[in-house]
């Protein structure tokens, strides 16, 4: 509230000081409003950057997880190949054993008559 005008020099000075302070307060308020508006504009500019960073982090995590999945898939394929190879080796071993048994049987057929004689 403005001081009442009594017509004295002290009151005139008080009124001038009051008006000066009102101007300073209005300028400070306008400055604060401008500052808030600038900060909001800055926030609006940073929001897409923050979203891009979050997306980049998510993609990086997915890529890292994807590499883990790729390694796991390679191990699964390797294990399947090992199983197939082991089965093939098992068949090879059976073939080798059958071949050795055939050779032993053949040699036994050659030696058998001599042993019995």
Protein backbone atom coordinates (compact mmCIF):
# COMPACT_ATOMS: atom_id res chain seq x y z
CA UNK A 1 0.00 0.00 0.00
CA UNK A 2 1.31 3.44 -0.91
CA UNK A 3 1.97 5.90 1.89
CA UNK A 4 -0.69 8.60 2.29
CA UNK A 5 0.21 11.98 0.80
CA UNK A 6 0.62 14.58 3.50
CA UNK A 7 2.43 17.15 1.31
CA UNK A 8 5.70 17.05 3.27
CA UNK A 9 9.15 16.41 1.84
CA UNK A 10 9.50 13.19 3.87
CA UNK A 11 6.25 11.90 2.47
CA UNK A 12 7.28 12.85 -1.09
CA UNK A 13 10.57 11.04 -0.62
CA UNK A 14 8.76 8.05 0.85
CA UNK A 15 6.33 8.05 -2.08
CA UNK A 16 9.23 8.28 -4.59
CA UNK A 17 11.03 5.43 -2.79
CA UNK A 18 7.80 3.40 -2.79
CA UNK A 19 7.35 3.90 -6.52
CA UNK A 20 11.02 3.10 -7.20
CA UNK A 21 10.68 -0.13 -5.22
CA UNK A 22 7.48 -0.99 -7.08
CA UNK A 23 9.34 -0.54 -10.38
CA UNK A 24 12.27 -2.64 -9.11
CA UNK A 25 9.87 -5.35 -7.87
CA UNK A 26 8.00 -5.33 -11.20
CA UNK A 27 11.29 -5.61 -13.10
CA UNK A 28 12.45 -8.42 -10.80
CA UNK A 29 9.15 -10.22 -11.33
CA UNK A 30 9.41 -9.78 -15.11
CA UNK A 31 13.00 -11.04 -14.97
CA UNK A 32 11.93 -14.10 -12.98
CA UNK A 33 9.09 -14.80 -15.42
CA UNK A 34 11.56 -14.54 -18.32
CA UNK A 35 13.97 -16.83 -16.45
CA UNK A 36 11.23 -19.44 -15.87
CA UNK A 37 10.20 -19.21 -19.54
CA UNK A 38 13.85 -19.67 -20.60
CA UNK A 39 14.23 -22.67 -18.25
CA UNK A 40 11.05 -24.22 -19.65
CA UNK A 41 12.31 -23.73 -23.19
CA UNK A 42 15.62 -25.31 -22.13
CA UNK A 43 13.74 -28.22 -20.57
CA UNK A 44 11.69 -28.62 -23.75
CA UNK A 45 14.93 -28.73 -25.76
CA UNK A 46 16.49 -31.28 -23.39
CA UNK A 47 13.47 -33.61 -23.30
CA UNK A 48 14.04 -35.11 -26.80
CA UNK A 49 17.74 -35.50 -26.00
CA UNK A 50 16.88 -37.35 -22.77
CA UNK A 51 14.45 -39.59 -24.68
CA UNK A 52 17.10 -40.30 -27.32
CA UNK A 53 19.60 -41.23 -24.60
CA UNK A 54 17.08 -43.58 -22.97
CA UNK A 55 16.39 -45.16 -26.38
CA UNK A 56 20.12 -45.50 -27.02
CA UNK A 57 20.57 -47.20 -23.65
CA UNK A 58 17.69 -49.56 -24.37
CA UNK A 59 19.06 -50.38 -27.83
CA UNK A 60 22.55 -50.89 -26.39
CA UNK A 61 21.14 -53.25 -23.77
CA UNK A 62 19.19 -55.10 -26.46
CA UNK A 63 22.28 -55.29 -28.68
CA UNK A 64 24.33 -56.61 -25.79
CA UNK A 65 21.58 -59.09 -24.99
CA UNK A 66 21.38 -59.89 -28.69
CA UNK A 67 25.06 -60.72 -28.73
CA UNK A 68 24.46 -63.02 -25.76
CA UNK A 69 21.61 -64.66 -27.67
CA UNK A 70 23.84 -65.01 -30.73
CA UNK A 71 26.56 -66.66 -28.63
CA UNK A 72 23.99 -68.95 -27.03
CA UNK A 73 22.63 -69.87 -30.49
CA UNK A 74 26.17 -70.61 -31.69
CA UNK A 75 26.69 -72.87 -28.68
CA UNK A 76 23.39 -74.65 -29.33
CA UNK A 77 24.33 -75.19 -32.98
CA UNK A 78 27.78 -76.36 -31.87
CA UNK A 79 26.21 -78.76 -29.38
CA UNK A 80 23.85 -80.10 -32.05
CA UNK A 81 26.79 -80.57 -34.40
CA UNK A 82 28.70 -82.34 -31.62
CA UNK A 83 25.73 -84.65 -31.04
CA UNK A 84 25.54 -85.44 -34.77
CA UNK A 85 29.30 -85.94 -34.93
CA UNK A 86 29.20 -88.19 -31.86
CA UNK A 87 26.42 -90.25 -33.41
CA UNK A 88 28.48 -90.52 -36.61
CA UNK A 89 31.51 -91.56 -34.57
CA UNK A 90 29.36 -94.09 -32.75
CA UNK A 91 28.35 -95.55 -36.12
CA UNK A 92 32.00 -95.47 -37.22
CA UNK A 93 32.99 -97.33 -34.06
CA UNK A 94 30.31 -99.92 -34.72
CA UNK A 95 31.61 -100.29 -38.29
CA UNK A 96 35.21 -100.59 -37.06
CA UNK A 97 34.24 -103.18 -34.46
CA UNK A 98 32.26 -105.17 -37.04
CA UNK A 99 35.20 -104.97 -39.44
CA UNK A 100 37.62 -106.16 -36.73
CA UNK A 101 35.28 -109.00 -35.79
CA UNK A 102 35.05 -110.00 -39.47
CA UNK A 103 38.85 -109.98 -39.74
CA UNK A 104 39.18 -112.04 -36.54
CA UNK A 105 36.59 -114.48 -37.85
CA UNK A 106 38.41 -114.70 -41.20
CA UNK A 107 41.79 -115.22 -39.51
CA UNK A 108 40.23 -117.75 -37.16
CA UNK A 109 38.85 -119.60 -40.18
CA UNK A 110 42.37 -119.77 -41.61
CA UNK A 111 44.03 -120.77 -38.37
CA UNK A 112 41.20 -122.94 -37.02
CA UNK A 113 41.92 -125.98 -39.25
CA UNK A 114 45.59 -125.81 -38.29
CA UNK A 115 44.75 -125.67 -34.63
CA UNK A 116 42.50 -128.67 -34.85
CA UNK A 117 45.05 -130.71 -36.79
